[in-house]
Amino acid sequence: MNSIQVFDDIQQLYLQFLENKNYPKLENLNNWGKNRYFFNQHFRLVEDWHQTEQIVIEFNQQYYCLDTGSAPDFMDKERYMTWLMGELLV
């Protein structure tokens, strides 16, 4: 797992994730599934902290609880990156 240090790294990984044809077909997953699959690939998930729509990740040695129920559509690049930036760079 790569050490993600800055938000630009996340944006690059996100774009690669959307373009990579080796992943399961993203359209077959719901929004929570897309989020969970992406974060599981690139972050350490804190399994015992999450609830149904919450995903807890570690980023820059801090923990963030992301409420994917309030997240915009994972496939909407602009809105999704704006939401994620707001969650991680507060």
Protein backbone atom coordinates (compact mmCIF):
# COMPACT_ATOMS: atom_id res chain seq x y z
CA MET A 1 0.00 0.00 0.00
CA ASN A 2 1.43 3.35 -0.99
CA SER A 3 1.76 6.11 1.53
CA ILE A 4 -0.66 8.81 0.46
CA GLN A 5 0.61 12.15 1.71
CA VAL A 6 -1.40 14.81 -0.10
CA PHE A 7 -4.87 15.19 -1.53
CA ASP A 8 -3.49 15.35 -5.09
CA ASP A 9 -2.33 11.75 -4.64
CA ILE A 10 -5.91 10.75 -3.80
CA GLN A 11 -7.22 12.52 -6.90
CA GLN A 12 -4.72 10.64 -9.07
CA LEU A 13 -5.59 7.29 -7.50
CA TYR A 14 -9.30 8.05 -7.94
CA LEU A 15 -8.85 8.74 -11.66
CA GLN A 16 -6.76 5.60 -12.09
CA PHE A 17 -9.41 3.62 -10.20
CA LEU A 18 -12.16 4.83 -12.57
CA GLU A 19 -10.07 4.05 -15.67
CA ASN A 20 -8.73 0.65 -14.62
CA LYS A 21 -10.62 -2.16 -16.32
CA ASN A 22 -9.26 -4.80 -13.91
CA TYR A 23 -11.63 -3.76 -11.14
CA PRO A 24 -15.11 -5.27 -10.92
CA LYS A 25 -17.57 -3.36 -13.00
CA LEU A 26 -18.25 -0.28 -10.90
CA GLU A 27 -21.76 0.11 -12.28
CA ASN A 28 -22.64 -3.17 -10.54
CA LEU A 29 -21.86 -1.65 -7.13
CA ASN A 30 -23.97 0.82 -5.18
CA ASN A 31 -22.42 4.10 -4.02
CA TRP A 32 -21.34 2.62 -0.67
CA GLY A 33 -19.75 -0.35 -2.46
CA LYS A 34 -17.79 1.90 -4.81
CA ASN A 35 -16.54 3.99 -1.88
CA ARG A 36 -15.63 0.97 0.21
CA TYR A 37 -13.85 -0.76 -2.66
CA PHE A 38 -11.82 2.38 -3.50
CA PHE A 39 -10.85 3.13 0.09
CA ASN A 40 -10.03 -0.51 0.76
CA GLN A 41 -7.57 -0.46 -2.16
CA HIS A 42 -5.67 2.65 -1.06
CA PHE A 43 -6.18 3.25 2.66
CA ARG A 44 -6.13 1.37 5.91
CA LEU A 45 -9.75 0.87 6.91
CA VAL A 46 -10.61 0.74 10.59
CA GLU A 47 -13.11 -2.10 10.44
CA ASP A 48 -14.42 -1.99 13.97
CA TRP A 49 -15.34 1.69 13.76
CA HIS A 50 -17.64 1.71 10.76
CA GLN A 51 -21.40 1.62 10.76
CA THR A 52 -23.59 0.91 7.78
CA GLU A 53 -22.82 3.98 5.67
CA GLN A 54 -19.70 5.12 7.50
CA ILE A 55 -16.18 4.22 6.46
CA VAL A 56 -13.26 5.06 8.74
CA ILE A 57 -9.92 5.51 6.99
CA GLU A 58 -6.46 6.55 8.05
CA PHE A 59 -4.93 9.44 6.07
CA ASN A 60 -1.75 11.25 7.13
CA GLN A 61 -1.77 9.47 10.50
CA GLN A 62 -5.25 10.75 11.31
CA TYR A 63 -8.57 8.95 11.26
CA TYR A 64 -11.51 10.19 9.23
CA CYS A 65 -15.05 8.90 9.46
CA LEU A 66 -16.61 9.35 6.05
CA ASP A 67 -20.39 9.25 5.85
CA THR A 68 -20.87 7.73 2.42
CA GLY A 69 -24.62 8.20 2.80
CA SER A 70 -24.05 11.93 2.32
CA ALA A 71 -21.47 11.46 -0.45
CA PRO A 72 -22.37 12.45 -4.00
CA ASP A 73 -22.36 9.82 -6.72
CA PHE A 74 -18.90 8.21 -6.74
CA MET A 75 -18.75 8.44 -10.53
CA ASP A 76 -19.36 12.24 -10.56
CA LYS A 77 -15.69 13.29 -10.50
CA GLU A 78 -16.11 16.98 -9.75
CA ARG A 79 -18.75 16.69 -7.03
CA TYR A 80 -17.15 13.63 -5.47
CA MET A 81 -13.66 15.18 -5.25
CA THR A 82 -15.14 18.39 -3.80
CA TRP A 83 -16.97 16.36 -1.15
CA LEU A 84 -13.92 14.23 -0.33
CA MET A 85 -11.64 17.26 -0.10
CA GLY A 86 -14.09 18.85 2.34
CA GLU A 87 -14.09 15.68 4.46
CA LEU A 88 -10.30 15.26 4.58
CA LEU A 89 -8.98 18.83 4.56
CA VAL A 90 -11.14 20.42 7.24
